[in-house]
Amino acid sequence: MTQTPVCSYDLTSDSSFQKYLSDATPFANKNYVPSDLVAINSSFTANDASKFKLREEASIQFADLAWHFWKNFDGDKLVIVSAYRSSDFQNYLLRTSCRKNQCAQAGTSEHQAGLALDLSVRTKR
């Protein structure tokens, strides 16, 4: 019998952010929730960034990226479509609106790690 591999790093204590999840490397605990989730603090997104959460360092870095994007693209702004998603919400998406080849299985999504964003752009033109 083949045993499913599990994530070999501890997302809580490993601060390197060099982490990748996949079907081959899922969370050891499918219900993992980052301990340092924070609301995104940026006024340089086209929607309310504070409604979305990331791990603290990722949130800070994204806010900086959003400012640079706004500054360098003539006032165009990023739109946050999705950020942190719980395992339950990932399962909900898979059941209701996402084809399996487009969404990660619960326990294998970097959104659940608090390190991924889905973005679009709102232009001023």
PDB file of N, CA and C in Angstrom:
ATOM      1  N   MET A   1       0.836  -1.176   0.000  1.00  0.00           N
ATOM      2  CA  MET A   1       0.000   0.000   0.000  1.00  0.00           C
ATOM      3  C   MET A   1       0.884   1.243   0.000  1.00  0.00           C
ATOM      4  N   THR A   2       0.581   2.199  -0.870  1.00  0.00           N
ATOM      5  CA  THR A   2       1.345   3.434  -0.956  1.00  0.00           C
ATOM      6  C   THR A   2       0.837   4.409   0.094  1.00  0.00           C
ATOM      7  N   GLN A   3       1.747   4.977   0.848  1.00  0.00           N
ATOM      8  CA  GLN A   3       1.382   5.945   1.869  1.00  0.00           C
ATOM      9  C   GLN A   3       1.477   7.352   1.294  1.00  0.00           C
ATOM     10  N   THR A   4       0.464   8.180   1.568  1.00  0.00           N
ATOM     11  CA  THR A   4       0.460   9.559   1.097  1.00  0.00           C
ATOM     12  C   THR A   4       1.508  10.359   1.851  1.00  0.00           C
ATOM     13  N   PRO A   5       2.413  11.035   1.143  1.00  0.00           N
ATOM     14  CA  PRO A   5       3.411  11.861   1.832  1.00  0.00           C
ATOM     15  C   PRO A   5       2.730  13.046   2.521  1.00  0.00           C
ATOM     16  N   VAL A   6       3.360  13.555   3.525  1.00  0.00           N
ATOM     17  CA  VAL A   6       2.839  14.743   4.205  1.00  0.00           C
ATOM     18  C   VAL A   6       3.873  15.843   4.163  1.00  0.00           C
ATOM     19  N   CYS A   7       3.403  17.034   4.417  1.00  0.00           N
ATOM     20  CA  CYS A   7       4.266  18.205   4.421  1.00  0.00           C
ATOM     21  C   CYS A   7       5.430  17.981   5.387  1.00  0.00           C
ATOM     22  N   SER A   8       6.660  18.146   4.913  1.00  0.00           N
ATOM     23  CA  SER A   8       7.830  17.838   5.719  1.00  0.00           C
ATOM     24  C   SER A   8       8.334  19.026   6.535  1.00  0.00           C
ATOM     25  N   TYR A   9       7.667  20.162   6.462  1.00  0.00           N
ATOM     26  CA  TYR A   9       8.103  21.319   7.218  1.00  0.00           C
ATOM     27  C   TYR A   9       6.975  21.788   8.126  1.00  0.00           C
ATOM     28  N   ASP A  10       7.341  22.496   9.139  1.00  0.00           N
ATOM     29  CA  ASP A  10       6.383  23.034  10.092  1.00  0.00           C
ATOM     30  C   ASP A  10       6.090  24.478   9.695  1.00  0.00           C
ATOM     31  N   LEU A  11       4.905  24.731   9.172  1.00  0.00           N
ATOM     32  CA  LEU A  11       4.573  26.065   8.680  1.00  0.00           C
ATOM     33  C   LEU A  11       4.517  27.111   9.793  1.00  0.00           C
ATOM     34  N   THR A  12       4.340  26.688  11.023  1.00  0.00           N
ATOM     35  CA  THR A  12       4.266  27.637  12.126  1.00  0.00           C
ATOM     36  C   THR A  12       5.647  28.156  12.512  1.00  0.00           C
ATOM     37  N   SER A  13       6.623  27.259  12.634  1.00  0.00           N
ATOM     38  CA  SER A  13       7.940  27.693  13.102  1.00  0.00           C
ATOM     39  C   SER A  13       8.901  28.040  11.965  1.00  0.00           C
ATOM     40  N   ASP A  14       8.630  27.580  10.760  1.00  0.00           N
ATOM     41  CA  ASP A  14       9.508  27.859   9.630  1.00  0.00           C
ATOM     42  C   ASP A  14       9.146  29.222   9.057  1.00  0.00           C
ATOM     43  N   SER A  15      10.016  30.194   9.206  1.00  0.00           N
ATOM     44  CA  SER A  15       9.705  31.552   8.744  1.00  0.00           C
ATOM     45  C   SER A  15      10.280  31.856   7.366  1.00  0.00           C
ATOM     46  N   SER A  16      10.811  30.866   6.669  1.00  0.00           N
ATOM     47  CA  SER A  16      11.466  31.122   5.390  1.00  0.00           C
ATOM     48  C   SER A  16      10.482  31.426   4.272  1.00  0.00           C
ATOM     49  N   PHE A  17       9.238  30.984   4.405  1.00  0.00           N
ATOM     50  CA  PHE A  17       8.208  31.159   3.378  1.00  0.00           C
ATOM     51  C   PHE A  17       8.567  30.437   2.085  1.00  0.00           C
ATOM     52  N   GLN A  18       9.550  29.563   2.107  1.00  0.00           N
ATOM     53  CA  GLN A  18       9.878  28.737   0.946  1.00  0.00           C
ATOM     54  C   GLN A  18       9.135  27.423   1.091  1.00  0.00           C
ATOM     55  N   LYS A  19       7.815  27.488   0.974  1.00  0.00           N
ATOM     56  CA  LYS A  19       6.977  26.334   1.216  1.00  0.00           C
ATOM     57  C   LYS A  19       6.079  26.127   0.018  1.00  0.00           C
ATOM     58  N   TYR A  20       5.926  24.895  -0.381  1.00  0.00           N
ATOM     59  CA  TYR A  20       5.063  24.601  -1.512  1.00  0.00           C
ATOM     60  C   TYR A  20       4.230  23.379  -1.182  1.00  0.00           C
ATOM     61  N   LEU A  21       2.951  23.486  -1.397  1.00  0.00           N
ATOM     62  CA  LEU A  21       2.043  22.382  -1.157  1.00  0.00           C
ATOM     63  C   LEU A  21       1.577  21.828  -2.483  1.00  0.00           C
ATOM     64  N   SER A  22       1.225  20.563  -2.485  1.00  0.00           N
ATOM     65  CA  SER A  22       0.706  19.932  -3.689  1.00  0.00           C
ATOM     66  C   SER A  22      -0.012  18.662  -3.268  1.00  0.00           C
ATOM     67  N   ASP A  23      -0.607  17.986  -4.240  1.00  0.00           N
ATOM     68  CA  ASP A  23      -1.221  16.700  -3.939  1.00  0.00           C
ATOM     69  C   ASP A  23      -0.190  15.726  -3.387  1.00  0.00           C
ATOM     70  N   ALA A  24       1.064  15.874  -3.824  1.00  0.00           N
ATOM     71  CA  ALA A  24       2.132  14.989  -3.358  1.00  0.00           C
ATOM     72  C   ALA A  24       2.701  15.421  -2.013  1.00  0.00           C
ATOM     73  N   THR A  25       2.489  16.672  -1.619  1.00  0.00           N
ATOM     74  CA  THR A  25       3.003  17.198  -0.350  1.00  0.00           C
ATOM     75  C   THR A  25       1.912  17.997   0.355  1.00  0.00           C
ATOM     76  N   PRO A  26       0.934  17.318   0.952  1.00  0.00           N
ATOM     77  CA  PRO A  26      -0.142  18.034   1.634  1.00  0.00           C
ATOM     78  C   PRO A  26       0.241  18.396   3.073  1.00  0.00           C
ATOM     79  N   PHE A  27      -0.627  19.175   3.718  1.00  0.00           N
ATOM     80  CA  PHE A  27      -0.461  19.448   5.143  1.00  0.00           C
ATOM     81  C   PHE A  27      -0.563  18.151   5.927  1.00  0.00           C
ATOM     82  N   ALA A  28       0.197  18.023   7.000  1.00  0.00           N
ATOM     83  CA  ALA A  28       0.038  16.895   7.912  1.00  0.00           C
ATOM     84  C   ALA A  28      -1.327  17.003   8.597  1.00  0.00           C
ATOM     85  N   ASN A  29      -1.757  18.221   8.883  1.00  0.00           N
ATOM     86  CA  ASN A  29      -3.056  18.487   9.488  1.00  0.00           C
ATOM     87  C   ASN A  29      -3.886  19.251   8.467  1.00  0.00           C
ATOM     88  N   LYS A  30      -4.891  18.604   7.884  1.00  0.00           N
ATOM     89  CA  LYS A  30      -5.706  19.256   6.847  1.00  0.00           C
ATOM     90  C   LYS A  30      -6.418  20.499   7.364  1.00  0.00           C
ATOM     91  N   ASN A  31      -6.572  20.619   8.672  1.00  0.00           N
ATOM     92  CA  ASN A  31      -7.273  21.767   9.247  1.00  0.00           C
ATOM     93  C   ASN A  31      -6.317  22.854   9.727  1.00  0.00           C
ATOM     94  N   TYR A  32      -5.092  22.838   9.244  1.00  0.00           N
ATOM     95  CA  TYR A  32      -4.086  23.839   9.614  1.00  0.00           C
ATOM     96  C   TYR A  32      -4.625  25.252   9.391  1.00  0.00           C
ATOM     97  N   VAL A  33      -4.402  26.113  10.377  1.00  0.00           N
ATOM     98  CA  VAL A  33      -4.709  27.540  10.270  1.00  0.00           C
ATOM     99  C   VAL A  33      -3.469  28.291  10.749  1.00  0.00           C
ATOM    100  N   PRO A  34      -2.905  29.181   9.929  1.00  0.00           N
ATOM    101  CA  PRO A  34      -1.724  29.930  10.369  1.00  0.00           C
ATOM    102  C   PRO A  34      -2.008  30.726  11.640  1.00  0.00           C
ATOM    103  N   SER A  35      -1.060  30.747  12.532  1.00  0.00           N
ATOM    104  CA  SER A  35      -1.245  31.454  13.808  1.00  0.00           C
ATOM    105  C   SER A  35      -1.060  32.961  13.669  1.00  0.00           C
ATOM    106  N   ASP A  36      -0.472  33.404  12.558  1.00  0.00           N
ATOM    107  CA  ASP A  36      -0.180  34.833  12.407  1.00  0.00           C
ATOM    108  C   ASP A  36      -0.976  35.478  11.263  1.00  0.00           C
ATOM    109  N   LEU A  37      -2.204  35.001  11.024  1.00  0.00           N
ATOM    110  CA  LEU A  37      -3.055  35.624  10.007  1.00  0.00           C
ATOM    111  C   LEU A  37      -3.427  37.038  10.426  1.00  0.00           C
ATOM    112  N   VAL A  38      -3.311  37.971   9.502  1.00  0.00           N
ATOM    113  CA  VAL A  38      -3.715  39.354   9.759  1.00  0.00           C
ATOM    114  C   VAL A  38      -4.462  39.887   8.543  1.00  0.00           C
ATOM    115  N   ALA A  39      -5.307  40.863   8.782  1.00  0.00           N
ATOM    116  CA  ALA A  39      -5.978  41.543   7.680  1.00  0.00           C
ATOM    117  C   ALA A  39      -4.936  42.297   6.860  1.00  0.00           C
ATOM    118  N   ILE A  40      -5.137  42.336   5.556  1.00  0.00           N
ATOM    119  CA  ILE A  40      -4.215  43.065   4.687  1.00  0.00           C
ATOM    120  C   ILE A  40      -4.474  44.557   4.855  1.00  0.00           C
ATOM    121  N   ASN A  41      -3.432  45.313   5.141  1.00  0.00           N
ATOM    122  CA  ASN A  41      -3.546  46.740   5.397  1.00  0.00           C
ATOM    123  C   ASN A  41      -2.984  47.508   4.202  1.00  0.00           C
ATOM    124  N   SER A  42      -3.862  47.834   3.250  1.00  0.00           N
ATOM    125  CA  SER A  42      -3.419  48.583   2.073  1.00  0.00           C
ATOM    126  C   SER A  42      -4.570  49.422   1.547  1.00  0.00           C
ATOM    127  N   SER A  43      -4.298  50.673   1.246  1.00  0.00           N
ATOM    128  CA  SER A  43      -5.299  51.525   0.590  1.00  0.00           C
ATOM    129  C   SER A  43      -5.003  51.619  -0.904  1.00  0.00           C
ATOM    130  N   PHE A  44      -4.113  50.767  -1.392  1.00  0.00           N
ATOM    131  CA  PHE A  44      -3.726  50.798  -2.803  1.00  0.00           C
ATOM    132  C   PHE A  44      -4.276  49.602  -3.579  1.00  0.00           C
ATOM    133  N   THR A  45      -5.357  49.014  -3.082  1.00  0.00           N
ATOM    134  CA  THR A  45      -6.084  47.992  -3.839  1.00  0.00           C
ATOM    135  C   THR A  45      -7.426  48.597  -4.239  1.00  0.00           C
ATOM    136  N   ALA A  46      -8.018  48.067  -5.298  1.00  0.00           N
ATOM    137  CA  ALA A  46      -9.281  48.607  -5.794  1.00  0.00           C
ATOM    138  C   ALA A  46     -10.461  48.179  -4.930  1.00  0.00           C
ATOM    139  N   ASN A  47     -10.293  47.131  -4.139  1.00  0.00           N
ATOM    140  CA  ASN A  47     -11.337  46.716  -3.210  1.00  0.00           C
ATOM    141  C   ASN A  47     -10.787  46.791  -1.785  1.00  0.00           C
ATOM    142  N   ASP A  48     -11.613  46.494  -0.825  1.00  0.00           N
ATOM    143  CA  ASP A  48     -11.240  46.626   0.580  1.00  0.00           C
ATOM    144  C   ASP A  48     -10.289  45.498   0.987  1.00  0.00           C
ATOM    145  N   ALA A  49      -9.016  45.791   1.002  1.00  0.00           N
ATOM    146  CA  ALA A  49      -7.998  44.781   1.308  1.00  0.00           C
ATOM    147  C   ALA A  49      -8.183  44.189   2.696  1.00  0.00           C
ATOM    148  N   SER A  50      -8.720  44.958   3.638  1.00  0.00           N
ATOM    149  CA  SER A  50      -8.832  44.483   5.016  1.00  0.00           C
ATOM    150  C   SER A  50      -9.829  43.335   5.174  1.00  0.00           C
ATOM    151  N   LYS A  51     -10.609  43.051   4.139  1.00  0.00           N
ATOM    152  CA  LYS A  51     -11.530  41.907   4.194  1.00  0.00           C
ATOM    153  C   LYS A  51     -10.803  40.588   3.941  1.00  0.00           C
ATOM    154  N   PHE A  52      -9.527  40.670   3.578  1.00  0.00           N
ATOM    155  CA  PHE A  52      -8.741  39.488   3.239  1.00  0.00           C
ATOM    156  C   PHE A  52      -7.581  39.337   4.209  1.00  0.00           C
ATOM    157  N   LYS A  53      -7.180  38.089   4.452  1.00  0.00           N
ATOM    158  CA  LYS A  53      -6.088  37.821   5.388  1.00  0.00           C
ATOM    159  C   LYS A  53      -4.974  37.036   4.717  1.00  0.00           C
ATOM    160  N   LEU A  54      -3.759  37.297   5.215  1.00  0.00           N
ATOM    161  CA  LEU A  54      -2.557  36.546   4.852  1.00  0.00           C
ATOM    162  C   LEU A  54      -1.723  36.386   6.118  1.00  0.00           C
ATOM    163  N   ARG A  55      -0.702  35.548   6.047  1.00  0.00           N
ATOM    164  CA  ARG A  55       0.258  35.526   7.148  1.00  0.00           C
ATOM    165  C   ARG A  55       0.891  36.911   7.221  1.00  0.00           C
ATOM    166  N   GLU A  56       1.294  37.321   8.405  1.00  0.00           N
ATOM    167  CA  GLU A  56       1.732  38.694   8.641  1.00  0.00           C
ATOM    168  C   GLU A  56       2.797  39.169   7.658  1.00  0.00           C
ATOM    169  N   GLU A  57       3.870  38.434   7.481  1.00  0.00           N
ATOM    170  CA  GLU A  57       4.942  38.876   6.583  1.00  0.00           C
ATOM    171  C   GLU A  57       4.446  38.966   5.138  1.00  0.00           C
ATOM    172  N   ALA A  58       3.642  37.999   4.710  1.00  0.00           N
ATOM    173  CA  ALA A  58       3.098  38.036   3.349  1.00  0.00           C
ATOM    174  C   ALA A  58       2.175  39.240   3.172  1.00  0.00           C
ATOM    175  N   SER A  59       1.413  39.573   4.196  1.00  0.00           N
ATOM    176  CA  SER A  59       0.516  40.731   4.147  1.00  0.00           C
ATOM    177  C   SER A  59       1.298  42.027   3.993  1.00  0.00           C
ATOM    178  N   ILE A  60       2.367  42.170   4.748  1.00  0.00           N
ATOM    179  CA  ILE A  60       3.214  43.362   4.669  1.00  0.00           C
ATOM    180  C   ILE A  60       3.829  43.481   3.278  1.00  0.00           C
ATOM    181  N   GLN A  61       4.346  42.376   2.767  1.00  0.00           N
ATOM    182  CA  GLN A  61       4.987  42.396   1.449  1.00  0.00           C
ATOM    183  C   GLN A  61       3.975  42.682   0.347  1.00  0.00           C
ATOM    184  N   PHE A  62       2.765  42.122   0.469  1.00  0.00           N
ATOM    185  CA  PHE A  62       1.751  42.408  -0.547  1.00  0.00           C
ATOM    186  C   PHE A  62       1.355  43.886  -0.520  1.00  0.00           C
ATOM    187  N   ALA A  63       1.192  44.476   0.659  1.00  0.00           N
ATOM    188  CA  ALA A  63       0.838  45.898   0.753  1.00  0.00           C
ATOM    189  C   ALA A  63       1.896  46.749   0.047  1.00  0.00           C
ATOM    190  N   ASP A  64       3.156  46.395   0.208  1.00  0.00           N
ATOM    191  CA  ASP A  64       4.242  47.108  -0.478  1.00  0.00           C
ATOM    192  C   ASP A  64       4.133  46.913  -1.990  1.00  0.00           C
ATOM    193  N   LEU A  65       3.868  45.710  -2.429  1.00  0.00           N
ATOM    194  CA  LEU A  65       3.708  45.431  -3.850  1.00  0.00           C
ATOM    195  C   LEU A  65       2.539  46.233  -4.427  1.00  0.00           C
ATOM    196  N   ALA A  66       1.411  46.276  -3.706  1.00  0.00           N
ATOM    197  CA  ALA A  66       0.235  47.017  -4.192  1.00  0.00           C
ATOM    198  C   ALA A  66       0.554  48.499  -4.366  1.00  0.00           C
ATOM    199  N   TRP A  67       1.311  49.067  -3.427  1.00  0.00           N
ATOM    200  CA  TRP A  67       1.710  50.474  -3.545  1.00  0.00           C
ATOM    201  C   TRP A  67       2.592  50.680  -4.785  1.00  0.00           C
ATOM    202  N   HIS A  68       3.588  49.810  -4.960  1.00  0.00           N
ATOM    203  CA  HIS A  68       4.474  49.929  -6.126  1.00  0.00           C
ATOM    204  C   HIS A  68       3.705  49.755  -7.427  1.00  0.00           C
ATOM    205  N   PHE A  69       2.758  48.837  -7.457  1.00  0.00           N
ATOM    206  CA  PHE A  69       1.952  48.639  -8.656  1.00  0.00           C
ATOM    207  C   PHE A  69       1.181  49.915  -8.978  1.00  0.00           C
ATOM    208  N   TRP A  70       0.505  50.476  -7.987  1.00  0.00           N
ATOM    209  CA  TRP A  70      -0.267  51.709  -8.158  1.00  0.00           C
ATOM    210  C   TRP A  70       0.633  52.846  -8.653  1.00  0.00           C
ATOM    211  N   LYS A  71       1.790  52.989  -8.014  1.00  0.00           N
ATOM    212  CA  LYS A  71       2.721  54.065  -8.352  1.00  0.00           C
ATOM    213  C   LYS A  71       3.265  53.926  -9.773  1.00  0.00           C
ATOM    214  N   ASN A  72       3.587  52.714 -10.178  1.00  0.00           N
ATOM    215  CA  ASN A  72       4.250  52.495 -11.464  1.00  0.00           C
ATOM    216  C   ASN A  72       3.307  52.245 -12.634  1.00  0.00           C
ATOM    217  N   PHE A  73       2.028  52.081 -12.373  1.00  0.00           N
ATOM    218  CA  PHE A  73       1.069  51.830 -13.448  1.00  0.00           C
ATOM    219  C   PHE A  73      -0.034  52.881 -13.463  1.00  0.00           C
ATOM    220  N   ASP A  74       0.371  54.142 -13.300  1.00  0.00           N
ATOM    221  CA  ASP A  74      -0.507  55.302 -13.483  1.00  0.00           C
ATOM    222  C   ASP A  74      -1.810  55.230 -12.697  1.00  0.00           C
ATOM    223  N   GLY A  75      -1.753  54.716 -11.480  1.00  0.00           N
ATOM    224  CA  GLY A  75      -2.938  54.691 -10.640  1.00  0.00           C
ATOM    225  C   GLY A  75      -3.809  53.464 -10.797  1.00  0.00           C
ATOM    226  N   ASP A  76      -3.446  52.543 -11.698  1.00  0.00           N
ATOM    227  CA  ASP A  76      -4.171  51.276 -11.762  1.00  0.00           C
ATOM    228  C   ASP A  76      -3.994  50.571 -10.418  1.00  0.00           C
ATOM    229  N   LYS A  77      -4.977  49.780 -10.045  1.00  0.00           N
ATOM    230  CA  LYS A  77      -4.898  49.097  -8.755  1.00  0.00           C
ATOM    231  C   LYS A  77      -5.164  47.610  -8.906  1.00  0.00           C
ATOM    232  N   LEU A  78      -4.547  46.855  -8.008  1.00  0.00           N
ATOM    233  CA  LEU A  78      -4.806  45.428  -7.931  1.00  0.00           C
ATOM    234  C   LEU A  78      -6.142  45.193  -7.231  1.00  0.00           C
ATOM    235  N   VAL A  79      -6.823  44.146  -7.629  1.00  0.00           N
ATOM    236  CA  VAL A  79      -8.063  43.713  -6.990  1.00  0.00           C
ATOM    237  C   VAL A  79      -7.773  42.358  -6.356  1.00  0.00           C
ATOM    238  N   ILE A  80      -8.012  42.245  -5.068  1.00  0.00           N
ATOM    239  CA  ILE A  80      -7.839  40.955  -4.399  1.00  0.00           C
ATOM    240  C   ILE A  80      -9.108  40.146  -4.623  1.00  0.00           C
ATOM    241  N   VAL A  81      -8.953  38.994  -5.235  1.00  0.00           N
ATOM    242  CA  VAL A  81     -10.078  38.105  -5.495  1.00  0.00           C
ATOM    243  C   VAL A  81     -10.192  37.087  -4.364  1.00  0.00           C
ATOM    244  N   SER A  82      -9.051  36.613  -3.891  1.00  0.00           N
ATOM    245  CA  SER A  82      -9.045  35.611  -2.830  1.00  0.00           C
ATOM    246  C   SER A  82      -7.696  35.642  -2.133  1.00  0.00           C
ATOM    247  N   ALA A  83      -7.709  35.332  -0.844  1.00  0.00           N
ATOM    248  CA  ALA A  83      -6.467  35.242  -0.069  1.00  0.00           C
ATOM    249  C   ALA A  83      -6.558  33.975   0.788  1.00  0.00           C
ATOM    250  N   TYR A  84      -6.346  34.081   2.102  1.00  0.00           N
ATOM    251  CA  TYR A  84      -6.433  32.901   2.969  1.00  0.00           C
ATOM    252  C   TYR A  84      -7.797  32.237   2.799  1.00  0.00           C
ATOM    253  N   ARG A  85      -7.773  30.921   2.670  1.00  0.00           N
ATOM    254  CA  ARG A  85      -9.006  30.119   2.643  1.00  0.00           C
ATOM    255  C   ARG A  85      -8.824  28.928   3.572  1.00  0.00           C
ATOM    256  N   SER A  86      -9.796  28.694   4.421  1.00  0.00           N
ATOM    257  CA  SER A  86      -9.753  27.534   5.310  1.00  0.00           C
ATOM    258  C   SER A  86      -9.962  26.250   4.507  1.00  0.00           C
ATOM    259  N   SER A  87      -9.659  25.143   5.123  1.00  0.00           N
ATOM    260  CA  SER A  87      -9.896  23.844   4.509  1.00  0.00           C
ATOM    261  C   SER A  87     -11.382  23.672   4.192  1.00  0.00           C
ATOM    262  N   ASP A  88     -12.247  24.077   5.112  1.00  0.00           N
ATOM    263  CA  ASP A  88     -13.694  23.973   4.879  1.00  0.00           C
ATOM    264  C   ASP A  88     -14.121  24.814   3.681  1.00  0.00           C
ATOM    265  N   PHE A  89     -13.583  26.032   3.563  1.00  0.00           N
ATOM    266  CA  PHE A  89     -13.959  26.882   2.433  1.00  0.00           C
ATOM    267  C   PHE A  89     -13.416  26.316   1.121  1.00  0.00           C
ATOM    268  N   GLN A  90     -12.218  25.734   1.164  1.00  0.00           N
ATOM    269  CA  GLN A  90     -11.657  25.110  -0.031  1.00  0.00           C
ATOM    270  C   GLN A  90     -12.559  23.955  -0.485  1.00  0.00           C
ATOM    271  N   ASN A  91     -13.029  23.154   0.465  1.00  0.00           N
ATOM    272  CA  ASN A  91     -13.959  22.070   0.134  1.00  0.00           C
ATOM    273  C   ASN A  91     -15.251  22.616  -0.445  1.00  0.00           C
ATOM    274  N   TYR A  92     -15.752  23.702   0.126  1.00  0.00           N
ATOM    275  CA  TYR A  92     -16.966  24.345  -0.388  1.00  0.00           C
ATOM    276  C   TYR A  92     -16.771  24.768  -1.854  1.00  0.00           C
ATOM    277  N   LEU A  93     -15.655  25.404  -2.147  1.00  0.00           N
ATOM    278  CA  LEU A  93     -15.376  25.821  -3.524  1.00  0.00           C
ATOM    279  C   LEU A  93     -15.345  24.618  -4.471  1.00  0.00           C
ATOM    280  N   LEU A  94     -14.738  23.548  -4.025  1.00  0.00           N
ATOM    281  CA  LEU A  94     -14.661  22.347  -4.861  1.00  0.00           C
ATOM    282  C   LEU A  94     -16.043  21.755  -5.111  1.00  0.00           C
ATOM    283  N   ARG A  95     -16.919  21.820  -4.113  1.00  0.00           N
ATOM    284  CA  ARG A  95     -18.274  21.275  -4.269  1.00  0.00           C
ATOM    285  C   ARG A  95     -19.168  22.159  -5.120  1.00  0.00           C
ATOM    286  N   THR A  96     -18.948  23.469  -5.099  1.00  0.00           N
ATOM    287  CA  THR A  96     -19.932  24.385  -5.686  1.00  0.00           C
ATOM    288  C   THR A  96     -19.512  25.094  -6.957  1.00  0.00           C
ATOM    289  N   SER A  97     -18.253  25.438  -7.095  1.00  0.00           N
ATOM    290  CA  SER A  97     -17.950  26.342  -8.203  1.00  0.00           C
ATOM    291  C   SER A  97     -16.607  26.143  -8.879  1.00  0.00           C
ATOM    292  N   CYS A  98     -15.864  25.170  -8.484  1.00  0.00           N
ATOM    293  CA  CYS A  98     -14.511  25.053  -9.014  1.00  0.00           C
ATOM    294  C   CYS A  98     -14.277  23.658  -9.564  1.00  0.00           C
ATOM    295  N   ARG A  99     -13.854  23.615 -10.813  1.00  0.00           N
ATOM    296  CA  ARG A  99     -13.498  22.310 -11.381  1.00  0.00           C
ATOM    297  C   ARG A  99     -12.250  21.783 -10.699  1.00  0.00           C
ATOM    298  N   LYS A 100     -12.217  20.488 -10.491  1.00  0.00           N
ATOM    299  CA  LYS A 100     -11.114  19.879  -9.748  1.00  0.00           C
ATOM    300  C   LYS A 100      -9.750  20.143 -10.363  1.00  0.00           C
ATOM    301  N   ASN A 101      -9.686  20.348 -11.672  1.00  0.00           N
ATOM    302  CA  ASN A 101      -8.388  20.631 -12.283  1.00  0.00           C
ATOM    303  C   ASN A 101      -8.018  22.109 -12.190  1.00  0.00           C
ATOM    304  N   GLN A 102      -8.881  22.928 -11.563  1.00  0.00           N
ATOM    305  CA  GLN A 102      -8.588  24.352 -11.393  1.00  0.00           C
ATOM    306  C   GLN A 102      -8.360  24.750  -9.945  1.00  0.00           C
ATOM    307  N   CYS A 103      -8.757  23.921  -9.022  1.00  0.00           N
ATOM    308  CA  CYS A 103      -8.604  24.240  -7.593  1.00  0.00           C
ATOM    309  C   CYS A 103      -7.897  23.091  -6.886  1.00  0.00           C
ATOM    310  N   ALA A 104      -7.068  23.451  -5.948  1.00  0.00           N
ATOM    311  CA  ALA A 104      -6.362  22.446  -5.152  1.00  0.00           C
ATOM    312  C   ALA A 104      -7.333  21.743  -4.213  1.00  0.00           C
ATOM    313  N   GLN A 105      -7.026  20.507  -3.912  1.00  0.00           N
ATOM    314  CA  GLN A 105      -7.787  19.774  -2.910  1.00  0.00           C
ATOM    315  C   GLN A 105      -7.511  20.405  -1.548  1.00  0.00           C
ATOM    316  N   ALA A 106      -8.493  20.362  -0.658  1.00  0.00           N
ATOM    317  CA  ALA A 106      -8.289  20.876   0.702  1.00  0.00           C
ATOM    318  C   ALA A 106      -7.084  20.169   1.319  1.00  0.00           C
ATOM    319  N   GLY A 107      -6.266  20.943   2.010  1.00  0.00           N
ATOM    320  CA  GLY A 107      -5.057  20.395   2.607  1.00  0.00           C
ATOM    321  C   GLY A 107      -3.845  20.490   1.697  1.00  0.00           C
ATOM    322  N   THR A 108      -4.047  20.981   0.451  1.00  0.00           N
ATOM    323  CA  THR A 108      -2.924  21.095  -0.479  1.00  0.00           C
ATOM    324  C   THR A 108      -2.839  22.497  -1.087  1.00  0.00           C
ATOM    325  N   SER A 109      -3.641  23.437  -0.591  1.00  0.00           N
ATOM    326  CA  SER A 109      -3.690  24.781  -1.159  1.00  0.00           C
ATOM    327  C   SER A 109      -2.802  25.752  -0.400  1.00  0.00           C
ATOM    328  N   GLU A 110      -2.012  26.514  -1.130  1.00  0.00           N
ATOM    329  CA  GLU A 110      -1.192  27.538  -0.492  1.00  0.00           C
ATOM    330  C   GLU A 110      -2.036  28.705   0.012  1.00  0.00           C
ATOM    331  N   HIS A 111      -3.290  28.782  -0.436  1.00  0.00           N
ATOM    332  CA  HIS A 111      -4.207  29.756   0.166  1.00  0.00           C
ATOM    333  C   HIS A 111      -4.403  29.402   1.641  1.00  0.00           C
ATOM    334  N   GLN A 112      -4.526  28.108   1.948  1.00  0.00           N
ATOM    335  CA  GLN A 112      -4.700  27.683   3.330  1.00  0.00           C
ATOM    336  C   GLN A 112      -3.462  27.975   4.165  1.00  0.00           C
ATOM    337  N   ALA A 113      -2.307  28.035   3.520  1.00  0.00           N
ATOM    338  CA  ALA A 113      -1.074  28.383   4.226  1.00  0.00           C
ATOM    339  C   ALA A 113      -0.992  29.881   4.509  1.00  0.00           C
ATOM    340  N   GLY A 114      -1.917  30.665   3.936  1.00  0.00           N
ATOM    341  CA  GLY A 114      -1.893  32.112   4.133  1.00  0.00           C
ATOM    342  C   GLY A 114      -0.820  32.802   3.326  1.00  0.00           C
ATOM    343  N   LEU A 115      -0.369  32.144   2.242  1.00  0.00           N
ATOM    344  CA  LEU A 115       0.743  32.664   1.444  1.00  0.00           C
ATOM    345  C   LEU A 115       0.369  32.935  -0.005  1.00  0.00           C
ATOM    346  N   ALA A 116      -0.903  32.763  -0.369  1.00  0.00           N
ATOM    347  CA  ALA A 116      -1.294  32.914  -1.772  1.00  0.00           C
ATOM    348  C   ALA A 116      -2.429  33.917  -1.922  1.00  0.00           C
ATOM    349  N   LEU A 117      -2.408  34.598  -3.052  1.00  0.00           N
ATOM    350  CA  LEU A 117      -3.462  35.539  -3.427  1.00  0.00           C
ATOM    351  C   LEU A 117      -3.895  35.250  -4.854  1.00  0.00           C
ATOM    352  N   ASP A 118      -5.163  35.469  -5.127  1.00  0.00           N
ATOM    353  CA  ASP A 118      -5.644  35.542  -6.500  1.00  0.00           C
ATOM    354  C   ASP A 118      -5.927  37.014  -6.745  1.00  0.00           C
ATOM    355  N   LEU A 119      -5.411  37.537  -7.856  1.00  0.00           N
ATOM    356  CA  LEU A 119      -5.502  38.966  -8.132  1.00  0.00           C
ATOM    357  C   LEU A 119      -6.034  39.232  -9.532  1.00  0.00           C
ATOM    358  N   SER A 120      -6.609  40.404  -9.700  1.00  0.00           N
ATOM    359  CA  SER A 120      -6.885  40.934 -11.035  1.00  0.00           C
ATOM    360  C   SER A 120      -6.488  42.409 -10.986  1.00  0.00           C
ATOM    361  N   VAL A 121      -6.701  43.112 -12.076  1.00  0.00           N
ATOM    362  CA  VAL A 121      -6.288  44.524 -12.166  1.00  0.00           C
ATOM    363  C   VAL A 121      -7.476  45.375 -12.559  1.00  0.00           C
ATOM    364  N   ARG A 122      -7.631  46.507 -11.893  1.00  0.00           N
ATOM    365  CA  ARG A 122      -8.613  47.511 -12.296  1.00  0.00           C
ATOM    366  C   ARG A 122      -7.848  48.703 -12.842  1.00  0.00           C
ATOM    367  N   THR A 123      -8.070  48.985 -14.113  1.00  0.00           N
ATOM    368  CA  THR A 123      -7.347  50.075 -14.753  1.00  0.00           C
ATOM    369  C   THR A 123      -8.163  51.359 -14.699  1.00  0.00           C
ATOM    370  N   LYS A 124      -7.481  52.466 -14.759  1.00  0.00           N
ATOM    371  CA  LYS A 124      -8.143  53.783 -14.778  1.00  0.00           C
ATOM    372  C   LYS A 124      -8.511  54.190 -16.187  1.00  0.00           C
ATOM    373  N   ARG A 125      -8.007  53.472 -17.172  1.00  0.00           N
ATOM    374  CA  ARG A 125      -8.252  53.847 -18.567  1.00  0.00           C
ATOM    375  C   ARG A 125      -9.588  53.379 -19.030  1.00  0.00           C
TER     376      ARG A 125
END
